[in-house]
Amino acid sequence: MDRNETIKRIRAALKKRSGKPWSVTGGRGTAWGWLNITAPPKRCTGHGVQIPGSVGMNPEDYEYKDTGEPNGNLNPAEQKELAQLLSLPDPVHHQGESIPAKDWQEYIDRAEGRLWRHLEN
């Protein structure tokens, strides 16, 4: 299956199962074979917010939360929902779920609701 067909199938399956659109995009350049699944920008309302009283110079000076402002990253609720739609045990990363070319069929199956069991060698 080619990249464009894979993107279309994953996008359509997630929308059908959740009732809302998801952003499924392909990488560019050396990342051409990678796909990324996330919410559209208007639903990406997760942002790093400086903790009151901190200096703001270190990563630990910030907490990640849903601010309601668009064009950020997945908020915690969207991270959990996407993980559930893909039958993943943990919430996805706040930047979405990245998929290498070798796993495209697995993620089509996951998006279409077929439980995927990865067999370790």
PDB file of N, CA and C in Angstrom:
ATOM      1  N   MET A   1       0.843  -1.169   0.000  1.00  0.00           N
ATOM      2  CA  MET A   1       0.000   0.000   0.000  1.00  0.00           C
ATOM      3  C   MET A   1       0.897   1.245   0.000  1.00  0.00           C
ATOM      4  N   ASP A   2       0.492   2.238  -0.772  1.00  0.00           N
ATOM      5  CA  ASP A   2       1.325   3.441  -0.836  1.00  0.00           C
ATOM      6  C   ASP A   2       0.976   4.405   0.305  1.00  0.00           C
ATOM      7  N   ARG A   3       1.816   5.406   0.447  1.00  0.00           N
ATOM      8  CA  ARG A   3       1.703   6.342   1.557  1.00  0.00           C
ATOM      9  C   ARG A   3       0.381   7.099   1.553  1.00  0.00           C
ATOM     10  N   ASN A   4      -0.022   7.618   0.401  1.00  0.00           N
ATOM     11  CA  ASN A   4      -1.264   8.396   0.339  1.00  0.00           C
ATOM     12  C   ASN A   4      -2.476   7.551   0.703  1.00  0.00           C
ATOM     13  N   GLU A   5      -2.524   6.318   0.238  1.00  0.00           N
ATOM     14  CA  GLU A   5      -3.643   5.432   0.576  1.00  0.00           C
ATOM     15  C   GLU A   5      -3.645   5.099   2.069  1.00  0.00           C
ATOM     16  N   THR A   6      -2.457   4.884   2.631  1.00  0.00           N
ATOM     17  CA  THR A   6      -2.346   4.609   4.062  1.00  0.00           C
ATOM     18  C   THR A   6      -2.867   5.786   4.874  1.00  0.00           C
ATOM     19  N   ILE A   7      -2.465   6.999   4.512  1.00  0.00           N
ATOM     20  CA  ILE A   7      -2.925   8.211   5.200  1.00  0.00           C
ATOM     21  C   ILE A   7      -4.446   8.315   5.127  1.00  0.00           C
ATOM     22  N   LYS A   8      -5.012   8.116   3.944  1.00  0.00           N
ATOM     23  CA  LYS A   8      -6.466   8.209   3.766  1.00  0.00           C
ATOM     24  C   LYS A   8      -7.202   7.185   4.621  1.00  0.00           C
ATOM     25  N   ARG A   9      -6.701   5.958   4.644  1.00  0.00           N
ATOM     26  CA  ARG A   9      -7.388   4.907   5.405  1.00  0.00           C
ATOM     27  C   ARG A   9      -7.344   5.174   6.905  1.00  0.00           C
ATOM     28  N   ILE A  10      -6.187   5.583   7.411  1.00  0.00           N
ATOM     29  CA  ILE A  10      -6.079   5.865   8.841  1.00  0.00           C
ATOM     30  C   ILE A  10      -6.966   7.046   9.206  1.00  0.00           C
ATOM     31  N   ARG A  11      -6.902   8.103   8.429  1.00  0.00           N
ATOM     32  CA  ARG A  11      -7.704   9.306   8.694  1.00  0.00           C
ATOM     33  C   ARG A  11      -9.203   8.969   8.685  1.00  0.00           C
ATOM     34  N   ALA A  12      -9.659   8.232   7.671  1.00  0.00           N
ATOM     35  CA  ALA A  12     -11.074   7.880   7.561  1.00  0.00           C
ATOM     36  C   ALA A  12     -11.521   6.977   8.704  1.00  0.00           C
ATOM     37  N   ALA A  13     -10.693   6.012   9.073  1.00  0.00           N
ATOM     38  CA  ALA A  13     -11.054   5.082  10.149  1.00  0.00           C
ATOM     39  C   ALA A  13     -11.164   5.795  11.489  1.00  0.00           C
ATOM     40  N   LEU A  14     -10.227   6.681  11.785  1.00  0.00           N
ATOM     41  CA  LEU A  14     -10.276   7.409  13.053  1.00  0.00           C
ATOM     42  C   LEU A  14     -11.492   8.323  13.112  1.00  0.00           C
ATOM     43  N   LYS A  15     -11.820   8.969  11.998  1.00  0.00           N
ATOM     44  CA  LYS A  15     -12.993   9.839  11.982  1.00  0.00           C
ATOM     45  C   LYS A  15     -14.268   9.021  12.164  1.00  0.00           C
ATOM     46  N   LYS A  16     -14.345   7.888  11.491  1.00  0.00           N
ATOM     47  CA  LYS A  16     -15.531   7.035  11.608  1.00  0.00           C
ATOM     48  C   LYS A  16     -15.724   6.556  13.042  1.00  0.00           C
ATOM     49  N   ARG A  17     -14.645   6.173  13.703  1.00  0.00           N
ATOM     50  CA  ARG A  17     -14.744   5.611  15.041  1.00  0.00           C
ATOM     51  C   ARG A  17     -14.917   6.664  16.127  1.00  0.00           C
ATOM     52  N   SER A  18     -14.372   7.862  15.923  1.00  0.00           N
ATOM     53  CA  SER A  18     -14.442   8.892  16.970  1.00  0.00           C
ATOM     54  C   SER A  18     -15.482   9.969  16.693  1.00  0.00           C
ATOM     55  N   GLY A  19     -15.884  10.095  15.434  1.00  0.00           N
ATOM     56  CA  GLY A  19     -16.839  11.139  15.068  1.00  0.00           C
ATOM     57  C   GLY A  19     -16.203  12.501  14.855  1.00  0.00           C
ATOM     58  N   LYS A  20     -14.885  12.551  14.887  1.00  0.00           N
ATOM     59  CA  LYS A  20     -14.217  13.836  14.658  1.00  0.00           C
ATOM     60  C   LYS A  20     -12.955  13.625  13.833  1.00  0.00           C
ATOM     61  N   PRO A  21     -12.511  14.680  13.139  1.00  0.00           N
ATOM     62  CA  PRO A  21     -11.336  14.532  12.268  1.00  0.00           C
ATOM     63  C   PRO A  21     -10.027  14.446  13.054  1.00  0.00           C
ATOM     64  N   TRP A  22      -9.074  13.760  12.449  1.00  0.00           N
ATOM     65  CA  TRP A  22      -7.715  13.656  12.983  1.00  0.00           C
ATOM     66  C   TRP A  22      -6.750  14.018  11.865  1.00  0.00           C
ATOM     67  N   SER A  23      -5.639  14.581  12.212  1.00  0.00           N
ATOM     68  CA  SER A  23      -4.616  14.956  11.247  1.00  0.00           C
ATOM     69  C   SER A  23      -3.645  13.785  11.087  1.00  0.00           C
ATOM     70  N   VAL A  24      -3.547  13.280   9.860  1.00  0.00           N
ATOM     71  CA  VAL A  24      -2.596  12.221   9.544  1.00  0.00           C
ATOM     72  C   VAL A  24      -1.742  12.754   8.402  1.00  0.00           C
ATOM     73  N   THR A  25      -0.468  12.954   8.668  1.00  0.00           N
ATOM     74  CA  THR A  25       0.414  13.570   7.679  1.00  0.00           C
ATOM     75  C   THR A  25       1.662  12.735   7.476  1.00  0.00           C
ATOM     76  N   GLY A  26       2.269  12.906   6.301  1.00  0.00           N
ATOM     77  CA  GLY A  26       3.507  12.213   5.980  1.00  0.00           C
ATOM     78  C   GLY A  26       4.695  13.133   6.141  1.00  0.00           C
ATOM     79  N   GLY A  27       5.812  12.526   6.524  1.00  0.00           N
ATOM     80  CA  GLY A  27       7.040  13.300   6.695  1.00  0.00           C
ATOM     81  C   GLY A  27       7.615  13.763   5.363  1.00  0.00           C
ATOM     82  N   ARG A  28       8.615  14.586   5.429  1.00  0.00           N
ATOM     83  CA  ARG A  28       9.280  15.115   4.238  1.00  0.00           C
ATOM     84  C   ARG A  28      10.767  14.767   4.288  1.00  0.00           C
ATOM     85  N   GLY A  29      11.395  14.826   3.148  1.00  0.00           N
ATOM     86  CA  GLY A  29      12.837  14.577   3.084  1.00  0.00           C
ATOM     87  C   GLY A  29      13.200  13.201   3.596  1.00  0.00           C
ATOM     88  N   THR A  30      14.181  13.127   4.485  1.00  0.00           N
ATOM     89  CA  THR A  30      14.614  11.823   5.005  1.00  0.00           C
ATOM     90  C   THR A  30      13.557  11.176   5.886  1.00  0.00           C
ATOM     91  N   ALA A  31      12.555  11.932   6.317  1.00  0.00           N
ATOM     92  CA  ALA A  31      11.467  11.378   7.127  1.00  0.00           C
ATOM     93  C   ALA A  31      10.256  11.012   6.258  1.00  0.00           C
ATOM     94  N   TRP A  32      10.439  10.895   4.952  1.00  0.00           N
ATOM     95  CA  TRP A  32       9.338  10.666   4.020  1.00  0.00           C
ATOM     96  C   TRP A  32       8.502   9.439   4.397  1.00  0.00           C
ATOM     97  N   GLY A  33       9.104   8.400   4.873  1.00  0.00           N
ATOM     98  CA  GLY A  33       8.391   7.172   5.205  1.00  0.00           C
ATOM     99  C   GLY A  33       7.648   7.210   6.525  1.00  0.00           C
ATOM    100  N   TRP A  34       7.818   8.246   7.300  1.00  0.00           N
ATOM    101  CA  TRP A  34       7.157   8.349   8.601  1.00  0.00           C
ATOM    102  C   TRP A  34       5.813   9.062   8.457  1.00  0.00           C
ATOM    103  N   LEU A  35       4.835   8.606   9.241  1.00  0.00           N
ATOM    104  CA  LEU A  35       3.543   9.274   9.328  1.00  0.00           C
ATOM    105  C   LEU A  35       3.363   9.793  10.748  1.00  0.00           C
ATOM    106  N   ASN A  36       2.574  10.842  10.909  1.00  0.00           N
ATOM    107  CA  ASN A  36       2.270  11.359  12.233  1.00  0.00           C
ATOM    108  C   ASN A  36       0.758  11.552  12.354  1.00  0.00           C
ATOM    109  N   ILE A  37       0.216  11.090  13.484  1.00  0.00           N
ATOM    110  CA  ILE A  37      -1.208  11.251  13.760  1.00  0.00           C
ATOM    111  C   ILE A  37      -1.346  12.182  14.960  1.00  0.00           C
ATOM    112  N   THR A  38      -2.150  13.212  14.785  1.00  0.00           N
ATOM    113  CA  THR A  38      -2.421  14.158  15.853  1.00  0.00           C
ATOM    114  C   THR A  38      -3.802  14.766  15.615  1.00  0.00           C
ATOM    115  N   ALA A  39      -4.203  15.683  16.440  1.00  0.00           N
ATOM    116  CA  ALA A  39      -5.463  16.405  16.230  1.00  0.00           C
ATOM    117  C   ALA A  39      -5.205  17.590  15.311  1.00  0.00           C
ATOM    118  N   PRO A  40      -6.242  18.100  14.666  1.00  0.00           N
ATOM    119  CA  PRO A  40      -6.077  19.326  13.882  1.00  0.00           C
ATOM    120  C   PRO A  40      -5.655  20.483  14.796  1.00  0.00           C
ATOM    121  N   PRO A  41      -5.016  21.508  14.246  1.00  0.00           N
ATOM    122  CA  PRO A  41      -4.486  22.619  15.056  1.00  0.00           C
ATOM    123  C   PRO A  41      -5.488  23.254  16.020  1.00  0.00           C
ATOM    124  N   LYS A  42      -6.752  23.379  15.626  1.00  0.00           N
ATOM    125  CA  LYS A  42      -7.717  24.030  16.526  1.00  0.00           C
ATOM    126  C   LYS A  42      -8.002  23.195  17.770  1.00  0.00           C
ATOM    127  N   ARG A  43      -7.749  21.864  17.712  1.00  0.00           N
ATOM    128  CA  ARG A  43      -7.940  21.010  18.883  1.00  0.00           C
ATOM    129  C   ARG A  43      -6.631  20.763  19.635  1.00  0.00           C
ATOM    130  N   CYS A  44      -5.535  21.248  19.116  1.00  0.00           N
ATOM    131  CA  CYS A  44      -4.237  21.094  19.792  1.00  0.00           C
ATOM    132  C   CYS A  44      -4.067  22.250  20.772  1.00  0.00           C
ATOM    133  N   THR A  45      -4.601  22.058  21.959  1.00  0.00           N
ATOM    134  CA  THR A  45      -4.653  23.136  22.945  1.00  0.00           C
ATOM    135  C   THR A  45      -3.737  22.893  24.148  1.00  0.00           C
ATOM    136  N   GLY A  46      -2.829  21.943  24.036  1.00  0.00           N
ATOM    137  CA  GLY A  46      -1.872  21.688  25.104  1.00  0.00           C
ATOM    138  C   GLY A  46      -0.644  22.581  24.943  1.00  0.00           C
ATOM    139  N   HIS A  47      -0.250  23.230  26.030  1.00  0.00           N
ATOM    140  CA  HIS A  47       0.896  24.136  25.997  1.00  0.00           C
ATOM    141  C   HIS A  47       1.710  24.004  27.283  1.00  0.00           C
ATOM    142  N   GLY A  48       2.993  24.270  27.174  1.00  0.00           N
ATOM    143  CA  GLY A  48       3.839  24.364  28.352  1.00  0.00           C
ATOM    144  C   GLY A  48       3.612  25.725  28.997  1.00  0.00           C
ATOM    145  N   VAL A  49       3.247  25.724  30.262  1.00  0.00           N
ATOM    146  CA  VAL A  49       2.935  26.972  30.979  1.00  0.00           C
ATOM    147  C   VAL A  49       3.900  27.092  32.155  1.00  0.00           C
ATOM    148  N   GLN A  50       4.504  28.268  32.294  1.00  0.00           N
ATOM    149  CA  GLN A  50       5.452  28.475  33.382  1.00  0.00           C
ATOM    150  C   GLN A  50       4.762  28.368  34.734  1.00  0.00           C
ATOM    151  N   ILE A  51       5.381  27.612  35.634  1.00  0.00           N
ATOM    152  CA  ILE A  51       4.866  27.438  36.989  1.00  0.00           C
ATOM    153  C   ILE A  51       5.069  28.751  37.752  1.00  0.00           C
ATOM    154  N   PRO A  52       4.010  29.260  38.376  1.00  0.00           N
ATOM    155  CA  PRO A  52       4.146  30.523  39.118  1.00  0.00           C
ATOM    156  C   PRO A  52       5.272  30.447  40.153  1.00  0.00           C
ATOM    157  N   GLY A  53       6.060  31.491  40.220  1.00  0.00           N
ATOM    158  CA  GLY A  53       7.161  31.566  41.175  1.00  0.00           C
ATOM    159  C   GLY A  53       8.458  30.969  40.663  1.00  0.00           C
ATOM    160  N   SER A  54       8.434  30.328  39.477  1.00  0.00           N
ATOM    161  CA  SER A  54       9.668  29.763  38.932  1.00  0.00           C
ATOM    162  C   SER A  54      10.376  30.807  38.072  1.00  0.00           C
ATOM    163  N   VAL A  55      11.641  30.550  37.811  1.00  0.00           N
ATOM    164  CA  VAL A  55      12.445  31.477  37.027  1.00  0.00           C
ATOM    165  C   VAL A  55      12.136  31.368  35.542  1.00  0.00           C
ATOM    166  N   GLY A  56      11.751  30.168  35.088  1.00  0.00           N
ATOM    167  CA  GLY A  56      11.442  29.969  33.673  1.00  0.00           C
ATOM    168  C   GLY A  56      12.653  29.657  32.828  1.00  0.00           C
ATOM    169  N   MET A  57      13.745  29.261  33.461  1.00  0.00           N
ATOM    170  CA  MET A  57      14.980  28.971  32.737  1.00  0.00           C
ATOM    171  C   MET A  57      15.179  27.474  32.468  1.00  0.00           C
ATOM    172  N   ASN A  58      14.442  26.614  33.150  1.00  0.00           N
ATOM    173  CA  ASN A  58      14.645  25.178  33.050  1.00  0.00           C
ATOM    174  C   ASN A  58      13.340  24.485  32.670  1.00  0.00           C
ATOM    175  N   PRO A  59      13.434  23.304  32.044  1.00  0.00           N
ATOM    176  CA  PRO A  59      12.207  22.571  31.690  1.00  0.00           C
ATOM    177  C   PRO A  59      11.302  22.300  32.877  1.00  0.00           C
ATOM    178  N   GLU A  60      11.888  22.059  34.049  1.00  0.00           N
ATOM    179  CA  GLU A  60      11.059  21.776  35.231  1.00  0.00           C
ATOM    180  C   GLU A  60      10.301  23.015  35.736  1.00  0.00           C
ATOM    181  N   ASP A  61      10.570  24.174  35.142  1.00  0.00           N
ATOM    182  CA  ASP A  61       9.846  25.393  35.493  1.00  0.00           C
ATOM    183  C   ASP A  61       8.506  25.494  34.764  1.00  0.00           C
ATOM    184  N   TYR A  62       8.194  24.493  33.969  1.00  0.00           N
ATOM    185  CA  TYR A  62       6.975  24.510  33.167  1.00  0.00           C
ATOM    186  C   TYR A  62       6.137  23.270  33.422  1.00  0.00           C
ATOM    187  N   GLU A  63       4.830  23.442  33.333  1.00  0.00           N
ATOM    188  CA  GLU A  63       3.926  22.299  33.380  1.00  0.00           C
ATOM    189  C   GLU A  63       3.142  22.285  32.075  1.00  0.00           C
ATOM    190  N   TYR A  64       2.794  21.092  31.646  1.00  0.00           N
ATOM    191  CA  TYR A  64       2.062  20.932  30.403  1.00  0.00           C
ATOM    192  C   TYR A  64       0.581  20.812  30.727  1.00  0.00           C
ATOM    193  N   LYS A  65      -0.236  21.693  30.131  1.00  0.00           N
ATOM    194  CA  LYS A  65      -1.672  21.612  30.413  1.00  0.00           C
ATOM    195  C   LYS A  65      -2.486  22.169  29.255  1.00  0.00           C
ATOM    196  N   ASP A  66      -3.774  21.920  29.336  1.00  0.00           N
ATOM    197  CA  ASP A  66      -4.714  22.388  28.326  1.00  0.00           C
ATOM    198  C   ASP A  66      -5.074  23.833  28.634  1.00  0.00           C
ATOM    199  N   THR A  67      -4.644  24.740  27.764  1.00  0.00           N
ATOM    200  CA  THR A  67      -4.932  26.158  27.971  1.00  0.00           C
ATOM    201  C   THR A  67      -6.170  26.613  27.210  1.00  0.00           C
ATOM    202  N   GLY A  68      -6.659  25.779  26.295  1.00  0.00           N
ATOM    203  CA  GLY A  68      -7.778  26.171  25.453  1.00  0.00           C
ATOM    204  C   GLY A  68      -7.355  26.956  24.226  1.00  0.00           C
ATOM    205  N   GLU A  69      -6.094  27.336  24.159  1.00  0.00           N
ATOM    206  CA  GLU A  69      -5.569  28.090  23.016  1.00  0.00           C
ATOM    207  C   GLU A  69      -5.138  27.108  21.918  1.00  0.00           C
ATOM    208  N   PRO A  70      -5.538  27.338  20.661  1.00  0.00           N
ATOM    209  CA  PRO A  70      -5.178  26.425  19.575  1.00  0.00           C
ATOM    210  C   PRO A  70      -3.701  26.518  19.183  1.00  0.00           C
ATOM    211  N   ASN A  71      -3.321  25.662  18.256  1.00  0.00           N
ATOM    212  CA  ASN A  71      -1.973  25.642  17.652  1.00  0.00           C
ATOM    213  C   ASN A  71      -0.874  25.236  18.615  1.00  0.00           C
ATOM    214  N   GLY A  72      -1.206  24.408  19.578  1.00  0.00           N
ATOM    215  CA  GLY A  72      -0.193  23.860  20.486  1.00  0.00           C
ATOM    216  C   GLY A  72       0.050  22.403  20.146  1.00  0.00           C
ATOM    217  N   ASN A  73      -0.034  21.567  21.153  1.00  0.00           N
ATOM    218  CA  ASN A  73       0.112  20.130  20.987  1.00  0.00           C
ATOM    219  C   ASN A  73      -1.155  19.462  21.516  1.00  0.00           C
ATOM    220  N   LEU A  74      -1.195  18.149  21.427  1.00  0.00           N
ATOM    221  CA  LEU A  74      -2.344  17.422  21.961  1.00  0.00           C
ATOM    222  C   LEU A  74      -2.493  17.710  23.444  1.00  0.00           C
ATOM    223  N   ASN A  75      -3.714  17.969  23.871  1.00  0.00           N
ATOM    224  CA  ASN A  75      -3.957  18.119  25.303  1.00  0.00           C
ATOM    225  C   ASN A  75      -4.078  16.719  25.907  1.00  0.00           C
ATOM    226  N   PRO A  76      -4.002  16.598  27.212  1.00  0.00           N
ATOM    227  CA  PRO A  76      -4.029  15.269  27.834  1.00  0.00           C
ATOM    228  C   PRO A  76      -5.239  14.412  27.453  1.00  0.00           C
ATOM    229  N   ALA A  77      -6.413  15.007  27.317  1.00  0.00           N
ATOM    230  CA  ALA A  77      -7.606  14.233  26.947  1.00  0.00           C
ATOM    231  C   ALA A  77      -7.470  13.672  25.530  1.00  0.00           C
ATOM    232  N   GLU A  78      -6.954  14.484  24.618  1.00  0.00           N
ATOM    233  CA  GLU A  78      -6.757  14.027  23.233  1.00  0.00           C
ATOM    234  C   GLU A  78      -5.668  12.947  23.172  1.00  0.00           C
ATOM    235  N   GLN A  79      -4.632  13.070  24.005  1.00  0.00           N
ATOM    236  CA  GLN A  79      -3.586  12.048  24.048  1.00  0.00           C
ATOM    237  C   GLN A  79      -4.183  10.694  24.440  1.00  0.00           C
ATOM    238  N   LYS A  80      -5.048  10.699  25.437  1.00  0.00           N
ATOM    239  CA  LYS A  80      -5.691   9.461  25.891  1.00  0.00           C
ATOM    240  C   LYS A  80      -6.646   8.917  24.839  1.00  0.00           C
ATOM    241  N   GLU A  81      -7.438   9.802  24.246  1.00  0.00           N
ATOM    242  CA  GLU A  81      -8.412   9.349  23.248  1.00  0.00           C
ATOM    243  C   GLU A  81      -7.728   8.720  22.051  1.00  0.00           C
ATOM    244  N   LEU A  82      -6.677   9.352  21.543  1.00  0.00           N
ATOM    245  CA  LEU A  82      -5.973   8.797  20.390  1.00  0.00           C
ATOM    246  C   LEU A  82      -5.358   7.444  20.737  1.00  0.00           C
ATOM    247  N   ALA A  83      -4.802   7.326  21.923  1.00  0.00           N
ATOM    248  CA  ALA A  83      -4.244   6.040  22.355  1.00  0.00           C
ATOM    249  C   ALA A  83      -5.329   4.969  22.388  1.00  0.00           C
ATOM    250  N   GLN A  84      -6.506   5.308  22.897  1.00  0.00           N
ATOM    251  CA  GLN A  84      -7.607   4.341  22.948  1.00  0.00           C
ATOM    252  C   GLN A  84      -8.045   3.938  21.549  1.00  0.00           C
ATOM    253  N   LEU A  85      -8.149   4.902  20.641  1.00  0.00           N
ATOM    254  CA  LEU A  85      -8.543   4.600  19.265  1.00  0.00           C
ATOM    255  C   LEU A  85      -7.540   3.673  18.582  1.00  0.00           C
ATOM    256  N   LEU A  86      -6.260   3.785  18.967  1.00  0.00           N
ATOM    257  CA  LEU A  86      -5.206   2.969  18.360  1.00  0.00           C
ATOM    258  C   LEU A  86      -4.866   1.729  19.190  1.00  0.00           C
ATOM    259  N   SER A  87      -5.655   1.483  20.238  1.00  0.00           N
ATOM    260  CA  SER A  87      -5.424   0.332  21.132  1.00  0.00           C
ATOM    261  C   SER A  87      -4.009   0.319  21.704  1.00  0.00           C
ATOM    262  N   LEU A  88      -3.562   1.486  22.127  1.00  0.00           N
ATOM    263  CA  LEU A  88      -2.249   1.609  22.756  1.00  0.00           C
ATOM    264  C   LEU A  88      -2.438   1.677  24.267  1.00  0.00           C
ATOM    265  N   PRO A  89      -1.519   1.107  25.038  1.00  0.00           N
ATOM    266  CA  PRO A  89      -1.698   1.045  26.484  1.00  0.00           C
ATOM    267  C   PRO A  89      -1.535   2.377  27.218  1.00  0.00           C
ATOM    268  N   ASP A  90      -0.769   3.286  26.665  1.00  0.00           N
ATOM    269  CA  ASP A  90      -0.484   4.558  27.328  1.00  0.00           C
ATOM    270  C   ASP A  90      -0.903   5.710  26.427  1.00  0.00           C
ATOM    271  N   PRO A  91      -1.147   6.889  27.003  1.00  0.00           N
ATOM    272  CA  PRO A  91      -1.436   8.057  26.154  1.00  0.00           C
ATOM    273  C   PRO A  91      -0.299   8.283  25.160  1.00  0.00           C
ATOM    274  N   VAL A  92      -0.649   8.767  23.976  1.00  0.00           N
ATOM    275  CA  VAL A  92       0.373   9.066  22.980  1.00  0.00           C
ATOM    276  C   VAL A  92       1.154  10.306  23.419  1.00  0.00           C
ATOM    277  N   HIS A  93       2.281  10.544  22.798  1.00  0.00           N
ATOM    278  CA  HIS A  93       3.108  11.713  23.071  1.00  0.00           C
ATOM    279  C   HIS A  93       2.314  12.979  22.747  1.00  0.00           C
ATOM    280  N   HIS A  94       2.619  14.069  23.419  1.00  0.00           N
ATOM    281  CA  HIS A  94       1.871  15.309  23.166  1.00  0.00           C
ATOM    282  C   HIS A  94       2.041  15.837  21.740  1.00  0.00           C
ATOM    283  N   GLN A  95       3.039  15.330  21.011  1.00  0.00           N
ATOM    284  CA  GLN A  95       3.201  15.710  19.608  1.00  0.00           C
ATOM    285  C   GLN A  95       2.504  14.732  18.670  1.00  0.00           C
ATOM    286  N   GLY A  96       1.843  13.720  19.213  1.00  0.00           N
ATOM    287  CA  GLY A  96       1.114  12.761  18.393  1.00  0.00           C
ATOM    288  C   GLY A  96       1.816  11.416  18.341  1.00  0.00           C
ATOM    289  N   GLU A  97       1.312  10.550  17.485  1.00  0.00           N
ATOM    290  CA  GLU A  97       1.866   9.208  17.320  1.00  0.00           C
ATOM    291  C   GLU A  97       2.628   9.161  16.005  1.00  0.00           C
ATOM    292  N   SER A  98       3.913   8.824  16.068  1.00  0.00           N
ATOM    293  CA  SER A  98       4.762   8.719  14.879  1.00  0.00           C
ATOM    294  C   SER A  98       4.864   7.261  14.459  1.00  0.00           C
ATOM    295  N   ILE A  99       4.742   7.028  13.156  1.00  0.00           N
ATOM    296  CA  ILE A  99       4.692   5.669  12.632  1.00  0.00           C
ATOM    297  C   ILE A  99       5.709   5.499  11.506  1.00  0.00           C
ATOM    298  N   PRO A 100       6.665   4.567  11.647  1.00  0.00           N
ATOM    299  CA  PRO A 100       7.598   4.296  10.562  1.00  0.00           C
ATOM    300  C   PRO A 100       6.911   3.495   9.457  1.00  0.00           C
ATOM    301  N   ALA A 101       7.459   3.539   8.267  1.00  0.00           N
ATOM    302  CA  ALA A 101       6.863   2.862   7.112  1.00  0.00           C
ATOM    303  C   ALA A 101       6.624   1.376   7.360  1.00  0.00           C
ATOM    304  N   LYS A 102       7.510   0.733   8.092  1.00  0.00           N
ATOM    305  CA  LYS A 102       7.368  -0.709   8.321  1.00  0.00           C
ATOM    306  C   LYS A 102       6.124  -1.045   9.145  1.00  0.00           C
ATOM    307  N   ASP A 103       5.527  -0.060   9.830  1.00  0.00           N
ATOM    308  CA  ASP A 103       4.370  -0.288  10.694  1.00  0.00           C
ATOM    309  C   ASP A 103       3.057   0.249  10.123  1.00  0.00           C
ATOM    310  N   TRP A 104       3.056   0.673   8.864  1.00  0.00           N
ATOM    311  CA  TRP A 104       1.841   1.260   8.301  1.00  0.00           C
ATOM    312  C   TRP A 104       0.650   0.320   8.406  1.00  0.00           C
ATOM    313  N   GLN A 105       0.819  -0.958   8.022  1.00  0.00           N
ATOM    314  CA  GLN A 105      -0.315  -1.893   8.054  1.00  0.00           C
ATOM    315  C   GLN A 105      -0.826  -2.088   9.476  1.00  0.00           C
ATOM    316  N   GLU A 106       0.093  -2.161  10.432  1.00  0.00           N
ATOM    317  CA  GLU A 106      -0.322  -2.287  11.827  1.00  0.00           C
ATOM    318  C   GLU A 106      -1.231  -1.130  12.235  1.00  0.00           C
ATOM    319  N   TYR A 107      -0.872   0.087  11.848  1.00  0.00           N
ATOM    320  CA  TYR A 107      -1.653   1.245  12.262  1.00  0.00           C
ATOM    321  C   TYR A 107      -2.948   1.409  11.460  1.00  0.00           C
ATOM    322  N   ILE A 108      -2.997   0.872  10.255  1.00  0.00           N
ATOM    323  CA  ILE A 108      -4.279   0.803   9.552  1.00  0.00           C
ATOM    324  C   ILE A 108      -5.204  -0.111  10.348  1.00  0.00           C
ATOM    325  N   ASP A 109      -4.686  -1.277  10.734  1.00  0.00           N
ATOM    326  CA  ASP A 109      -5.478  -2.222  11.530  1.00  0.00           C
ATOM    327  C   ASP A 109      -5.927  -1.593  12.847  1.00  0.00           C
ATOM    328  N   ARG A 110      -5.010  -0.930  13.529  1.00  0.00           N
ATOM    329  CA  ARG A 110      -5.351  -0.293  14.805  1.00  0.00           C
ATOM    330  C   ARG A 110      -6.444   0.767  14.598  1.00  0.00           C
ATOM    331  N   ALA A 111      -6.275   1.631  13.607  1.00  0.00           N
ATOM    332  CA  ALA A 111      -7.238   2.706  13.358  1.00  0.00           C
ATOM    333  C   ALA A 111      -8.608   2.150  12.980  1.00  0.00           C
ATOM    334  N   GLU A 112      -8.620   1.024  12.279  1.00  0.00           N
ATOM    335  CA  GLU A 112      -9.881   0.415  11.851  1.00  0.00           C
ATOM    336  C   GLU A 112     -10.499  -0.456  12.938  1.00  0.00           C
ATOM    337  N   GLY A 113      -9.869  -0.499  14.107  1.00  0.00           N
ATOM    338  CA  GLY A 113     -10.459  -1.173  15.249  1.00  0.00           C
ATOM    339  C   GLY A 113     -10.113  -2.637  15.402  1.00  0.00           C
ATOM    340  N   ARG A 114      -9.147  -3.118  14.632  1.00  0.00           N
ATOM    341  CA  ARG A 114      -8.702  -4.499  14.788  1.00  0.00           C
ATOM    342  C   ARG A 114      -7.573  -4.518  15.807  1.00  0.00           C
ATOM    343  N   LEU A 115      -7.807  -5.202  16.907  1.00  0.00           N
ATOM    344  CA  LEU A 115      -6.802  -5.271  17.965  1.00  0.00           C
ATOM    345  C   LEU A 115      -5.510  -5.828  17.408  1.00  0.00           C
ATOM    346  N   TRP A 116      -4.424  -5.180  17.708  1.00  0.00           N
ATOM    347  CA  TRP A 116      -3.119  -5.579  17.198  1.00  0.00           C
ATOM    348  C   TRP A 116      -2.300  -6.150  18.338  1.00  0.00           C
ATOM    349  N   ARG A 117      -1.763  -7.314  18.138  1.00  0.00           N
ATOM    350  CA  ARG A 117      -0.897  -7.924  19.137  1.00  0.00           C
ATOM    351  C   ARG A 117       0.492  -8.054  18.508  1.00  0.00           C
ATOM    352  N   HIS A 118       1.439  -7.342  19.087  1.00  0.00           N
ATOM    353  CA  HIS A 118       2.813  -7.404  18.591  1.00  0.00           C
ATOM    354  C   HIS A 118       3.506  -8.612  19.210  1.00  0.00           C
ATOM    355  N   LEU A 119       4.010  -9.475  18.369  1.00  0.00           N
ATOM    356  CA  LEU A 119       4.689 -10.667  18.852  1.00  0.00           C
ATOM    357  C   LEU A 119       6.188 -10.407  18.929  1.00  0.00           C
ATOM    358  N   GLU A 120       6.731 -10.577  20.106  1.00  0.00           N
ATOM    359  CA  GLU A 120       8.175 -10.410  20.305  1.00  0.00           C
ATOM    360  C   GLU A 120       8.898 -11.681  19.852  1.00  0.00           C
ATOM    361  N   ASN A 121      10.045 -11.516  19.247  1.00  0.00           N
ATOM    362  CA  ASN A 121      10.849 -12.683  18.849  1.00  0.00           C
ATOM    363  C   ASN A 121      11.719 -13.136  19.983  1.00  0.00           C
TER     364      ASN A 121
END
